[in-house]
Amino acid sequence: MTSTGAASHTPQRVMLLGATGAIGRATARALLEDGHEVICFVRPGAEGLPEGAGLRIGQVTDARSLRGHGFRGERFDVLVSCLASRSGAPEDAWAIDHAAHVTALAEARRAGVRHVVLLSAICVQKPKLAFQHAKLAFETELIESGLAHSIVRPTAYFKSLSGQISRVRKGKPFLLFGDGRLTATKPISDADLGRYLALCLRDPSLRGILPIGGPGPAITPREQGEWLFALLGQEPRFRQVPVAMLDAIIATLSALGRLSPRLRAKAELARIGRYYATESMLVWDETRGCYDADATPSFGSDTLRGHYAAIAAGAAEQDLGAHRVF
């Protein structure tokens, strides 16, 4: 289990980006609970911020808006970003995961920020997709900026592993790629991840690149399916999908994408799907050429099985948003 940091700390003034996403809201709550002053810079019409958070409206992709409506010439101690592209498509990824963050970094330095906490993703360890390269490009700029930085790379979110609950409830089989044991992960809840991001402000050991997962051993998609069937009182039914089928879909969409931007975007989404179907969300051991669950740090107390149980019992809602993968 990773460090829990010092019990006492000095409240800081925080500029929070991406505050209206599920993890952004959880992070805002955790920062406020730790006694920090939290200013959230959000797009027009955004809702759902926790009580006590400051609200400023503007466009994060516009340097003048971020400067004039966000920072407003005031001083801040920390920039926390939970901002991420929604689709992962190349244009969106480079605009948000890279360019918007470069702009925010420049404005943060102007505002006196000394520490940047960045929500990244563990999948950038083996970059094959546009959004991964965009995230890595900004990580590099942040590291080279000379500012203190905490680059948090979470494993997988509960929501991204909940997309098949509704189909299983309807009596449909749980879809697996290969035999369902190709990949594994140690998923982390929004609330635990929010607390970890907030902890980076008061624990000086949480600097640099920080992979992080939830509690317990790594789990495979097949195990996730078995949990769902058991919790819903159904006999397990699985349907195995060959990875080669994804390859064929990608090849077809890529060929058609030369003529259609819409199909080109779909081809990228298919590549993203294939990546998550074949790569584990765990720490990658470059020397051994494999993923290492034991080397993947754990944090928090929420478990995916508990999340499934809460949804099955009707005690929690299933709002997948942009986190649906399969």
C-alpha atoms as a PDB file:
ATOM      1  CA  MET A   1       0.000   0.000   0.000  1.00  0.00           C
ATOM      2  CA  THR A   2       1.394   3.394  -0.928  1.00  0.00           C
ATOM      3  CA  SER A   3       2.286   6.127   1.567  1.00  0.00           C
ATOM      4  CA  THR A   4      -0.524   8.040   3.271  1.00  0.00           C
ATOM      5  CA  GLY A   5       1.546  11.147   3.858  1.00  0.00           C
ATOM      6  CA  ALA A   6       1.808  13.460   6.839  1.00  0.00           C
ATOM      7  CA  ALA A   7      -1.287  14.118   8.922  1.00  0.00           C
ATOM      8  CA  SER A   8      -0.688  17.870   9.121  1.00  0.00           C
ATOM      9  CA  HIS A   9      -0.242  20.202   6.180  1.00  0.00           C
ATOM     10  CA  THR A  10      -0.539  23.804   5.115  1.00  0.00           C
ATOM     11  CA  PRO A  11      -3.667  24.679   3.117  1.00  0.00           C
ATOM     12  CA  GLN A  12      -2.832  25.811  -0.396  1.00  0.00           C
ATOM     13  CA  ARG A  13      -4.534  27.736  -3.169  1.00  0.00           C
ATOM     14  CA  VAL A  14      -5.357  25.356  -6.024  1.00  0.00           C
ATOM     15  CA  MET A  15      -6.406  25.897  -9.634  1.00  0.00           C
ATOM     16  CA  LEU A  16      -8.300  22.773 -10.709  1.00  0.00           C
ATOM     17  CA  LEU A  17      -8.904  21.897 -14.371  1.00  0.00           C
ATOM     18  CA  GLY A  18     -11.290  19.152 -15.482  1.00  0.00           C
ATOM     19  CA  ALA A  19     -13.363  19.601 -12.330  1.00  0.00           C
ATOM     20  CA  THR A  20     -16.703  18.539 -13.832  1.00  0.00           C
ATOM     21  CA  GLY A  21     -15.643  15.012 -14.783  1.00  0.00           C
ATOM     22  CA  ALA A  22     -16.230  12.172 -12.326  1.00  0.00           C
ATOM     23  CA  ILE A  23     -12.620  12.133 -11.160  1.00  0.00           C
ATOM     24  CA  GLY A  24     -12.410  15.923 -11.202  1.00  0.00           C
ATOM     25  CA  ARG A  25     -15.410  16.181  -8.869  1.00  0.00           C
ATOM     26  CA  ALA A  26     -13.939  13.537  -6.557  1.00  0.00           C
ATOM     27  CA  THR A  27     -10.638  15.409  -6.537  1.00  0.00           C
ATOM     28  CA  ALA A  28     -12.335  18.723  -5.768  1.00  0.00           C
ATOM     29  CA  ARG A  29     -14.109  17.137  -2.798  1.00  0.00           C
ATOM     30  CA  ALA A  30     -10.881  15.601  -1.499  1.00  0.00           C
ATOM     31  CA  LEU A  31      -8.980  18.887  -1.839  1.00  0.00           C
ATOM     32  CA  LEU A  32     -11.713  20.776   0.009  1.00  0.00           C
ATOM     33  CA  GLU A  33     -11.788  18.147   2.763  1.00  0.00           C
ATOM     34  CA  ASP A  34      -8.030  18.693   3.162  1.00  0.00           C
ATOM     35  CA  GLY A  35      -8.681  22.390   3.746  1.00  0.00           C
ATOM     36  CA  HIS A  36      -7.378  23.782   0.465  1.00  0.00           C
ATOM     37  CA  GLU A  37      -8.902  26.715  -1.390  1.00  0.00           C
ATOM     38  CA  VAL A  38     -10.082  25.245  -4.687  1.00  0.00           C
ATOM     39  CA  ILE A  39     -10.821  27.333  -7.780  1.00  0.00           C
ATOM     40  CA  CYS A  40     -12.353  25.391 -10.670  1.00  0.00           C
ATOM     41  CA  PHE A  41     -12.010  26.706 -14.214  1.00  0.00           C
ATOM     42  CA  VAL A  42     -14.804  25.133 -16.257  1.00  0.00           C
ATOM     43  CA  ARG A  43     -16.554  25.548 -19.577  1.00  0.00           C
ATOM     44  CA  PRO A  44     -19.855  27.466 -19.806  1.00  0.00           C
ATOM     45  CA  GLY A  45     -22.860  25.475 -18.618  1.00  0.00           C
ATOM     46  CA  ALA A  46     -20.820  23.045 -16.517  1.00  0.00           C
ATOM     47  CA  GLU A  47     -22.511  21.734 -13.379  1.00  0.00           C
ATOM     48  CA  GLY A  48     -21.913  19.384 -10.482  1.00  0.00           C
ATOM     49  CA  LEU A  49     -19.149  21.077  -8.509  1.00  0.00           C
ATOM     50  CA  PRO A  50     -19.021  20.358  -4.765  1.00  0.00           C
ATOM     51  CA  GLU A  51     -20.109  23.055  -2.335  1.00  0.00           C
ATOM     52  CA  GLY A  52     -17.226  25.270  -1.289  1.00  0.00           C
ATOM     53  CA  ALA A  53     -15.376  25.193  -4.608  1.00  0.00           C
ATOM     54  CA  GLY A  54     -14.814  28.479  -6.435  1.00  0.00           C
ATOM     55  CA  LEU A  55     -16.216  28.622  -9.959  1.00  0.00           C
ATOM     56  CA  ARG A  56     -14.714  30.465 -12.924  1.00  0.00           C
ATOM     57  CA  ILE A  57     -16.021  30.155 -16.476  1.00  0.00           C
ATOM     58  CA  GLY A  58     -14.032  30.103 -19.700  1.00  0.00           C
ATOM     59  CA  GLN A  59     -12.325  28.030 -22.376  1.00  0.00           C
ATOM     60  CA  VAL A  60      -9.319  25.997 -21.335  1.00  0.00           C
ATOM     61  CA  THR A  61      -8.048  25.880 -24.908  1.00  0.00           C
ATOM     62  CA  ASP A  62      -7.865  29.695 -25.057  1.00  0.00           C
ATOM     63  CA  ALA A  63      -4.825  31.244 -23.343  1.00  0.00           C
ATOM     64  CA  ARG A  64      -6.504  34.649 -23.013  1.00  0.00           C
ATOM     65  CA  SER A  65      -9.583  33.080 -21.428  1.00  0.00           C
ATOM     66  CA  LEU A  66      -7.513  31.011 -19.025  1.00  0.00           C
ATOM     67  CA  ARG A  67      -5.461  34.054 -18.056  1.00  0.00           C
ATOM     68  CA  GLY A  68      -8.268  36.600 -17.832  1.00  0.00           C
ATOM     69  CA  HIS A  69     -11.159  34.490 -16.559  1.00  0.00           C
ATOM     70  CA  GLY A  70      -9.239  31.726 -14.784  1.00  0.00           C
ATOM     71  CA  PHE A  71      -6.119  32.915 -13.022  1.00  0.00           C
ATOM     72  CA  ARG A  72      -7.137  36.627 -13.193  1.00  0.00           C
ATOM     73  CA  GLY A  73      -3.655  37.830 -12.289  1.00  0.00           C
ATOM     74  CA  GLU A  74      -3.903  36.187  -8.861  1.00  0.00           C
ATOM     75  CA  ARG A  75      -1.416  33.952  -7.102  1.00  0.00           C
ATOM     76  CA  PHE A  76      -1.816  30.179  -6.864  1.00  0.00           C
ATOM     77  CA  ASP A  77       0.287  27.496  -5.203  1.00  0.00           C
ATOM     78  CA  VAL A  78      -0.719  24.403  -7.148  1.00  0.00           C
ATOM     79  CA  LEU A  79      -2.192  23.481 -10.520  1.00  0.00           C
ATOM     80  CA  VAL A  80      -4.160  20.211 -10.467  1.00  0.00           C
ATOM     81  CA  SER A  81      -5.361  18.906 -13.817  1.00  0.00           C
ATOM     82  CA  CYS A  82      -7.910  16.128 -14.298  1.00  0.00           C
ATOM     83  CA  LEU A  83      -8.468  17.376 -17.838  1.00  0.00           C
ATOM     84  CA  ALA A  84      -8.490  14.779 -20.629  1.00  0.00           C
ATOM     85  CA  SER A  85      -9.719  14.455 -24.197  1.00  0.00           C
ATOM     86  CA  ARG A  86     -13.151  12.847 -24.418  1.00  0.00           C
ATOM     87  CA  SER A  87     -12.754  10.685 -27.502  1.00  0.00           C
ATOM     88  CA  GLY A  88      -9.031  10.002 -27.712  1.00  0.00           C
ATOM     89  CA  ALA A  89      -9.174  10.867 -31.424  1.00  0.00           C
ATOM     90  CA  PRO A  90      -5.934  12.473 -32.668  1.00  0.00           C
ATOM     91  CA  GLU A  91      -7.253  16.019 -33.156  1.00  0.00           C
ATOM     92  CA  ASP A  92      -9.018  16.024 -29.783  1.00  0.00           C
ATOM     93  CA  ALA A  93      -6.051  14.441 -28.009  1.00  0.00           C
ATOM     94  CA  TRP A  94      -3.468  16.908 -29.254  1.00  0.00           C
ATOM     95  CA  ALA A  95      -5.795  19.843 -28.568  1.00  0.00           C
ATOM     96  CA  ILE A  96      -6.594  18.845 -24.974  1.00  0.00           C
ATOM     97  CA  ASP A  97      -4.050  16.332 -23.672  1.00  0.00           C
ATOM     98  CA  HIS A  98      -1.167  18.374 -25.034  1.00  0.00           C
ATOM     99  CA  ALA A  99      -1.873  21.920 -26.261  1.00  0.00           C
ATOM    100  CA  ALA A 100      -4.368  22.919 -23.550  1.00  0.00           C
ATOM    101  CA  HIS A 101      -1.998  21.630 -20.895  1.00  0.00           C
ATOM    102  CA  VAL A 102       0.950  23.503 -22.384  1.00  0.00           C
ATOM    103  CA  THR A 103      -1.127  26.680 -22.207  1.00  0.00           C
ATOM    104  CA  ALA A 104      -2.196  25.940 -18.627  1.00  0.00           C
ATOM    105  CA  LEU A 105       1.404  25.275 -17.581  1.00  0.00           C
ATOM    106  CA  ALA A 106       2.536  28.630 -18.944  1.00  0.00           C
ATOM    107  CA  GLU A 107      -0.285  30.490 -17.181  1.00  0.00           C
ATOM    108  CA  ALA A 108       0.305  28.568 -13.962  1.00  0.00           C
ATOM    109  CA  ARG A 109       3.950  29.596 -13.918  1.00  0.00           C
ATOM    110  CA  ARG A 110       2.873  33.190 -14.484  1.00  0.00           C
ATOM    111  CA  ALA A 111       0.600  32.830 -11.435  1.00  0.00           C
ATOM    112  CA  GLY A 112       3.434  31.601  -9.212  1.00  0.00           C
ATOM    113  CA  VAL A 113       2.472  27.927  -9.141  1.00  0.00           C
ATOM    114  CA  ARG A 114       5.235  25.798  -7.638  1.00  0.00           C
ATOM    115  CA  HIS A 115       3.711  22.322  -7.976  1.00  0.00           C
ATOM    116  CA  VAL A 116       1.691  20.640 -10.730  1.00  0.00           C
ATOM    117  CA  VAL A 117      -0.403  17.508 -10.133  1.00  0.00           C
ATOM    118  CA  LEU A 118      -1.315  15.879 -13.436  1.00  0.00           C
ATOM    119  CA  LEU A 119      -3.785  13.048 -13.976  1.00  0.00           C
ATOM    120  CA  SER A 120      -2.287  10.964 -16.778  1.00  0.00           C
ATOM    121  CA  ALA A 121      -2.803   7.257 -17.577  1.00  0.00           C
ATOM    122  CA  ILE A 122      -0.789   4.078 -17.064  1.00  0.00           C
ATOM    123  CA  CYS A 123      -1.226   3.087 -20.706  1.00  0.00           C
ATOM    124  CA  VAL A 124       1.323   5.714 -21.804  1.00  0.00           C
ATOM    125  CA  GLN A 125       4.004   3.195 -20.773  1.00  0.00           C
ATOM    126  CA  LYS A 126       3.528   1.460 -24.149  1.00  0.00           C
ATOM    127  CA  PRO A 127       2.336   4.244 -26.450  1.00  0.00           C
ATOM    128  CA  LYS A 128       0.662   3.172 -29.681  1.00  0.00           C
ATOM    129  CA  LEU A 129      -2.236   5.639 -29.884  1.00  0.00           C
ATOM    130  CA  ALA A 130      -2.533   9.352 -30.552  1.00  0.00           C
ATOM    131  CA  PHE A 131      -3.822  10.281 -27.102  1.00  0.00           C
ATOM    132  CA  GLN A 132      -0.974   8.365 -25.440  1.00  0.00           C
ATOM    133  CA  HIS A 133       1.644  10.230 -27.477  1.00  0.00           C
ATOM    134  CA  ALA A 134      -0.096  13.535 -26.705  1.00  0.00           C
ATOM    135  CA  LYS A 135      -0.097  12.807 -22.966  1.00  0.00           C
ATOM    136  CA  LEU A 136       3.554  11.756 -23.045  1.00  0.00           C
ATOM    137  CA  ALA A 137       4.536  14.903 -24.944  1.00  0.00           C
ATOM    138  CA  PHE A 138       3.064  17.071 -22.207  1.00  0.00           C
ATOM    139  CA  GLU A 139       4.511  14.896 -19.436  1.00  0.00           C
ATOM    140  CA  THR A 140       7.927  15.565 -20.959  1.00  0.00           C
ATOM    141  CA  GLU A 141       7.314  19.336 -21.045  1.00  0.00           C
ATOM    142  CA  LEU A 142       6.161  19.294 -17.431  1.00  0.00           C
ATOM    143  CA  ILE A 143       9.213  17.343 -16.295  1.00  0.00           C
ATOM    144  CA  GLU A 144      11.495  19.714 -18.188  1.00  0.00           C
ATOM    145  CA  SER A 145       9.752  22.800 -16.745  1.00  0.00           C
ATOM    146  CA  GLY A 146      11.667  22.499 -13.495  1.00  0.00           C
ATOM    147  CA  LEU A 147       8.476  22.735 -11.399  1.00  0.00           C
ATOM    148  CA  ALA A 148       7.709  20.158  -8.747  1.00  0.00           C
ATOM    149  CA  HIS A 149       5.400  17.655 -10.378  1.00  0.00           C
ATOM    150  CA  SER A 150       3.278  14.629  -9.506  1.00  0.00           C
ATOM    151  CA  ILE A 151       2.344  12.739 -12.686  1.00  0.00           C
ATOM    152  CA  VAL A 152      -0.319  10.270 -11.576  1.00  0.00           C
ATOM    153  CA  ARG A 153      -0.868   7.274 -13.864  1.00  0.00           C
ATOM    154  CA  PRO A 154      -3.919   5.303 -12.683  1.00  0.00           C
ATOM    155  CA  THR A 155      -4.618   1.777 -13.871  1.00  0.00           C
ATOM    156  CA  ALA A 156      -8.315   1.463 -14.799  1.00  0.00           C
ATOM    157  CA  TYR A 157     -11.497   3.145 -13.598  1.00  0.00           C
ATOM    158  CA  PHE A 158     -14.526   1.289 -12.262  1.00  0.00           C
ATOM    159  CA  LYS A 159     -16.727   2.907 -14.899  1.00  0.00           C
ATOM    160  CA  SER A 160     -14.574   1.649 -17.753  1.00  0.00           C
ATOM    161  CA  LEU A 161     -15.105  -1.900 -16.465  1.00  0.00           C
ATOM    162  CA  SER A 162     -18.866  -1.592 -15.952  1.00  0.00           C
ATOM    163  CA  GLY A 163     -20.087  -1.388 -19.531  1.00  0.00           C
ATOM    164  CA  GLN A 164     -21.414  -4.948 -19.661  1.00  0.00           C
ATOM    165  CA  ILE A 165     -23.589  -4.855 -16.550  1.00  0.00           C
ATOM    166  CA  SER A 166     -26.724  -3.928 -18.502  1.00  0.00           C
ATOM    167  CA  ARG A 167     -26.255  -6.687 -21.109  1.00  0.00           C
ATOM    168  CA  VAL A 168     -25.677  -9.326 -18.432  1.00  0.00           C
ATOM    169  CA  ARG A 169     -28.826  -8.162 -16.635  1.00  0.00           C
ATOM    170  CA  LYS A 170     -30.731  -8.760 -19.877  1.00  0.00           C
ATOM    171  CA  GLY A 171     -29.526 -12.350 -19.995  1.00  0.00           C
ATOM    172  CA  LYS A 172     -26.879 -11.779 -22.642  1.00  0.00           C
ATOM    173  CA  PRO A 173     -23.412 -13.340 -22.447  1.00  0.00           C
ATOM    174  CA  PHE A 174     -20.407 -11.470 -21.112  1.00  0.00           C
ATOM    175  CA  LEU A 175     -18.074 -10.637 -24.006  1.00  0.00           C
ATOM    176  CA  LEU A 176     -14.438 -11.655 -23.717  1.00  0.00           C
ATOM    177  CA  PHE A 177     -11.515 -11.062 -26.031  1.00  0.00           C
ATOM    178  CA  GLY A 178      -9.602 -14.289 -26.382  1.00  0.00           C
ATOM    179  CA  ASP A 179     -10.172 -16.443 -23.306  1.00  0.00           C
ATOM    180  CA  GLY A 180     -10.696 -13.442 -21.020  1.00  0.00           C
ATOM    181  CA  ARG A 181      -7.289 -13.859 -19.421  1.00  0.00           C
ATOM    182  CA  LEU A 182      -5.230 -11.841 -21.904  1.00  0.00           C
ATOM    183  CA  THR A 183      -5.173  -8.832 -19.599  1.00  0.00           C
ATOM    184  CA  ALA A 184      -5.446  -7.884 -15.941  1.00  0.00           C
ATOM    185  CA  THR A 185      -5.711  -4.703 -13.918  1.00  0.00           C
ATOM    186  CA  LYS A 186      -6.022  -3.309 -10.398  1.00  0.00           C
ATOM    187  CA  PRO A 187      -8.860  -0.798 -10.886  1.00  0.00           C
ATOM    188  CA  ILE A 188      -9.222   2.260  -8.671  1.00  0.00           C
ATOM    189  CA  SER A 189     -12.418   4.108  -7.781  1.00  0.00           C
ATOM    190  CA  ASP A 190     -13.024   7.783  -8.520  1.00  0.00           C
ATOM    191  CA  ALA A 191     -13.153   8.568  -4.800  1.00  0.00           C
ATOM    192  CA  ASP A 192      -9.887   6.786  -3.980  1.00  0.00           C
ATOM    193  CA  LEU A 193      -8.147   8.355  -6.969  1.00  0.00           C
ATOM    194  CA  GLY A 194      -9.406  11.798  -5.945  1.00  0.00           C
ATOM    195  CA  ARG A 195      -7.970  11.268  -2.469  1.00  0.00           C
ATOM    196  CA  TYR A 196      -4.662  10.135  -3.935  1.00  0.00           C
ATOM    197  CA  LEU A 197      -4.423  13.216  -6.152  1.00  0.00           C
ATOM    198  CA  ALA A 198      -5.152  15.429  -3.132  1.00  0.00           C
ATOM    199  CA  LEU A 199      -2.563  13.537  -1.111  1.00  0.00           C
ATOM    200  CA  CYS A 200       0.102  14.594  -3.615  1.00  0.00           C
ATOM    201  CA  LEU A 201      -0.182  18.152  -2.254  1.00  0.00           C
ATOM    202  CA  ARG A 202       0.854  17.204   1.265  1.00  0.00           C
ATOM    203  CA  ASP A 203       3.104  14.168   0.842  1.00  0.00           C
ATOM    204  CA  PRO A 204       6.506  15.280  -0.506  1.00  0.00           C
ATOM    205  CA  SER A 205       7.380  11.685  -1.389  1.00  0.00           C
ATOM    206  CA  LEU A 206       4.663  11.723  -4.071  1.00  0.00           C
ATOM    207  CA  ARG A 207       6.681  13.411  -6.794  1.00  0.00           C
ATOM    208  CA  GLY A 208       7.712  12.261 -10.255  1.00  0.00           C
ATOM    209  CA  ILE A 209       5.848   9.563 -12.176  1.00  0.00           C
ATOM    210  CA  LEU A 210       3.352   7.737  -9.955  1.00  0.00           C
ATOM    211  CA  PRO A 211       1.558   4.615 -11.216  1.00  0.00           C
ATOM    212  CA  ILE A 212      -1.348   3.771  -8.932  1.00  0.00           C
ATOM    213  CA  GLY A 213      -4.051   1.119  -8.697  1.00  0.00           C
ATOM    214  CA  GLY A 214      -6.767   0.111  -6.286  1.00  0.00           C
ATOM    215  CA  PRO A 215      -6.573  -2.428  -3.442  1.00  0.00           C
ATOM    216  CA  GLY A 216      -6.346  -6.179  -3.844  1.00  0.00           C
ATOM    217  CA  PRO A 217      -4.845  -8.475  -6.477  1.00  0.00           C
ATOM    218  CA  ALA A 218      -5.010  -7.882 -10.218  1.00  0.00           C
ATOM    219  CA  ILE A 219      -8.170  -9.211 -11.866  1.00  0.00           C
ATOM    220  CA  THR A 220      -8.912 -10.441 -15.396  1.00  0.00           C
ATOM    221  CA  PRO A 221     -12.004  -9.729 -17.531  1.00  0.00           C
ATOM    222  CA  ARG A 222     -13.153 -13.333 -17.001  1.00  0.00           C
ATOM    223  CA  GLU A 223     -13.091 -12.812 -13.241  1.00  0.00           C
ATOM    224  CA  GLN A 224     -15.070  -9.606 -13.655  1.00  0.00           C
ATOM    225  CA  GLY A 225     -17.713 -11.529 -15.603  1.00  0.00           C
ATOM    226  CA  GLU A 226     -17.867 -14.296 -13.013  1.00  0.00           C
ATOM    227  CA  TRP A 227     -18.470 -11.704 -10.283  1.00  0.00           C
ATOM    228  CA  LEU A 228     -21.309 -10.124 -12.233  1.00  0.00           C
ATOM    229  CA  PHE A 229     -23.100 -13.411 -12.875  1.00  0.00           C
ATOM    230  CA  ALA A 230     -22.776 -14.399  -9.217  1.00  0.00           C
ATOM    231  CA  LEU A 231     -24.034 -11.033  -7.949  1.00  0.00           C
ATOM    232  CA  LEU A 232     -26.998 -11.113 -10.345  1.00  0.00           C
ATOM    233  CA  GLY A 233     -27.807 -14.735  -9.531  1.00  0.00           C
ATOM    234  CA  GLN A 234     -27.209 -16.005 -13.059  1.00  0.00           C
ATOM    235  CA  GLU A 235     -25.326 -18.917 -14.534  1.00  0.00           C
ATOM    236  CA  PRO A 236     -22.095 -17.714 -16.185  1.00  0.00           C
ATOM    237  CA  ARG A 237     -22.361 -17.284 -19.964  1.00  0.00           C
ATOM    238  CA  PHE A 238     -19.379 -16.036 -21.941  1.00  0.00           C
ATOM    239  CA  ARG A 239     -18.853 -15.284 -25.607  1.00  0.00           C
ATOM    240  CA  GLN A 240     -15.268 -15.200 -26.811  1.00  0.00           C
ATOM    241  CA  VAL A 241     -14.418 -12.661 -29.499  1.00  0.00           C
ATOM    242  CA  PRO A 242     -11.202 -13.268 -31.484  1.00  0.00           C
ATOM    243  CA  VAL A 243      -8.769 -10.366 -31.416  1.00  0.00           C
ATOM    244  CA  ALA A 244      -8.345 -10.983 -35.150  1.00  0.00           C
ATOM    245  CA  MET A 245     -11.906  -9.697 -35.600  1.00  0.00           C
ATOM    246  CA  LEU A 246     -10.833  -6.339 -34.192  1.00  0.00           C
ATOM    247  CA  ASP A 247      -7.843  -6.332 -36.531  1.00  0.00           C
ATOM    248  CA  ALA A 248     -10.143  -6.876 -39.507  1.00  0.00           C
ATOM    249  CA  ILE A 249     -12.455  -4.057 -38.400  1.00  0.00           C
ATOM    250  CA  ILE A 250      -9.493  -1.702 -37.944  1.00  0.00           C
ATOM    251  CA  ALA A 251      -8.082  -2.568 -41.375  1.00  0.00           C
ATOM    252  CA  THR A 252     -11.447  -1.970 -43.068  1.00  0.00           C
ATOM    253  CA  LEU A 253     -12.135   1.326 -41.288  1.00  0.00           C
ATOM    254  CA  SER A 254      -8.576   2.526 -41.916  1.00  0.00           C
ATOM    255  CA  ALA A 255      -8.935   1.895 -45.649  1.00  0.00           C
ATOM    256  CA  LEU A 256     -12.312   3.631 -45.813  1.00  0.00           C
ATOM    257  CA  GLY A 257     -10.988   6.401 -43.579  1.00  0.00           C
ATOM    258  CA  ARG A 258      -8.834   7.664 -46.424  1.00  0.00           C
ATOM    259  CA  LEU A 259     -12.063   8.950 -47.958  1.00  0.00           C
ATOM    260  CA  SER A 260     -14.102   9.761 -44.851  1.00  0.00           C
ATOM    261  CA  PRO A 261     -12.999  11.678 -41.708  1.00  0.00           C
ATOM    262  CA  ARG A 262     -15.886  10.055 -39.800  1.00  0.00           C
ATOM    263  CA  LEU A 263     -14.648   6.549 -40.606  1.00  0.00           C
ATOM    264  CA  ARG A 264     -11.072   7.602 -39.896  1.00  0.00           C
ATOM    265  CA  ALA A 265     -12.189   8.596 -36.381  1.00  0.00           C
ATOM    266  CA  LYS A 266     -13.981   5.261 -35.977  1.00  0.00           C
ATOM    267  CA  ALA A 267     -10.792   3.452 -36.969  1.00  0.00           C
ATOM    268  CA  GLU A 268      -8.937   5.236 -34.166  1.00  0.00           C
ATOM    269  CA  LEU A 269     -11.651   4.274 -31.687  1.00  0.00           C
ATOM    270  CA  ALA A 270     -11.319   0.663 -32.838  1.00  0.00           C
ATOM    271  CA  ARG A 271      -7.543   0.870 -32.258  1.00  0.00           C
ATOM    272  CA  ILE A 272      -8.210   2.148 -28.749  1.00  0.00           C
ATOM    273  CA  GLY A 273     -10.578  -0.766 -28.148  1.00  0.00           C
ATOM    274  CA  ARG A 274      -8.015  -3.252 -29.371  1.00  0.00           C
ATOM    275  CA  TYR A 275      -5.345  -1.741 -27.134  1.00  0.00           C
ATOM    276  CA  TYR A 276      -7.459  -2.177 -24.012  1.00  0.00           C
ATOM    277  CA  ALA A 277      -8.468  -5.678 -25.133  1.00  0.00           C
ATOM    278  CA  THR A 278      -4.858  -6.839 -25.360  1.00  0.00           C
ATOM    279  CA  GLU A 279      -2.795  -4.745 -22.917  1.00  0.00           C
ATOM    280  CA  SER A 280      -2.931  -5.002 -19.131  1.00  0.00           C
ATOM    281  CA  MET A 281      -3.365  -1.814 -17.111  1.00  0.00           C
ATOM    282  CA  LEU A 282      -0.469  -2.572 -14.764  1.00  0.00           C
ATOM    283  CA  VAL A 283       3.125  -1.436 -14.401  1.00  0.00           C
ATOM    284  CA  TRP A 284       5.195  -2.546 -17.393  1.00  0.00           C
ATOM    285  CA  ASP A 285       8.564  -4.117 -16.590  1.00  0.00           C
ATOM    286  CA  GLU A 286      10.739  -3.115 -19.531  1.00  0.00           C
ATOM    287  CA  THR A 287      13.604  -5.414 -18.516  1.00  0.00           C
ATOM    288  CA  ARG A 288      11.458  -8.546 -18.298  1.00  0.00           C
ATOM    289  CA  GLY A 289       9.098  -7.501 -21.084  1.00  0.00           C
ATOM    290  CA  CYS A 290       5.932  -8.119 -19.089  1.00  0.00           C
ATOM    291  CA  TYR A 291       3.320  -6.487 -16.887  1.00  0.00           C
ATOM    292  CA  ASP A 292       3.936  -6.751 -13.151  1.00  0.00           C
ATOM    293  CA  ALA A 293       0.967  -6.706 -10.777  1.00  0.00           C
ATOM    294  CA  ASP A 294       3.231  -6.847  -7.727  1.00  0.00           C
ATOM    295  CA  ALA A 295       5.068  -3.720  -8.881  1.00  0.00           C
ATOM    296  CA  THR A 296       1.795  -1.822  -9.335  1.00  0.00           C
ATOM    297  CA  PRO A 297       1.171   0.243  -6.173  1.00  0.00           C
ATOM    298  CA  SER A 298      -2.205   0.008  -4.441  1.00  0.00           C
ATOM    299  CA  PHE A 299      -4.190   2.743  -2.730  1.00  0.00           C
ATOM    300  CA  GLY A 300      -7.596   3.132  -1.134  1.00  0.00           C
ATOM    301  CA  SER A 301     -10.298   0.766   0.055  1.00  0.00           C
ATOM    302  CA  ASP A 302     -12.954   0.647  -2.692  1.00  0.00           C
ATOM    303  CA  THR A 303     -13.084  -2.547  -4.759  1.00  0.00           C
ATOM    304  CA  LEU A 304     -14.575  -3.257  -8.170  1.00  0.00           C
ATOM    305  CA  ARG A 305     -16.509  -6.192  -6.744  1.00  0.00           C
ATOM    306  CA  GLY A 306     -18.031  -3.868  -4.147  1.00  0.00           C
ATOM    307  CA  HIS A 307     -18.931  -1.435  -6.934  1.00  0.00           C
ATOM    308  CA  TYR A 308     -20.630  -4.219  -8.903  1.00  0.00           C
ATOM    309  CA  ALA A 309     -22.481  -5.351  -5.759  1.00  0.00           C
ATOM    310  CA  ALA A 310     -23.763  -1.836  -5.104  1.00  0.00           C
ATOM    311  CA  ILE A 311     -25.085  -1.526  -8.661  1.00  0.00           C
ATOM    312  CA  ALA A 312     -26.644  -5.005  -8.545  1.00  0.00           C
ATOM    313  CA  ALA A 313     -28.394  -4.092  -5.292  1.00  0.00           C
ATOM    314  CA  GLY A 314     -29.589  -0.761  -6.669  1.00  0.00           C
ATOM    315  CA  ALA A 315     -27.507   1.182  -4.143  1.00  0.00           C
ATOM    316  CA  ALA A 316     -25.391   2.879  -6.822  1.00  0.00           C
ATOM    317  CA  GLU A 317     -26.094   4.287 -10.256  1.00  0.00           C
ATOM    318  CA  GLN A 318     -24.405   3.143 -13.439  1.00  0.00           C
ATOM    319  CA  ASP A 319     -23.432   6.375 -15.198  1.00  0.00           C
ATOM    320  CA  LEU A 320     -20.746   5.350 -17.678  1.00  0.00           C
ATOM    321  CA  GLY A 321     -20.382   8.683 -19.462  1.00  0.00           C
ATOM    322  CA  ALA A 322     -17.225   8.653 -21.580  1.00  0.00           C
ATOM    323  CA  HIS A 323     -15.738   5.717 -19.673  1.00  0.00           C
ATOM    324  CA  ARG A 324     -17.428   2.905 -21.584  1.00  0.00           C
ATOM    325  CA  VAL A 325     -14.833   0.655 -23.226  1.00  0.00           C
ATOM    326  CA  PHE A 326     -16.615  -2.657 -23.935  1.00  0.00           C
END
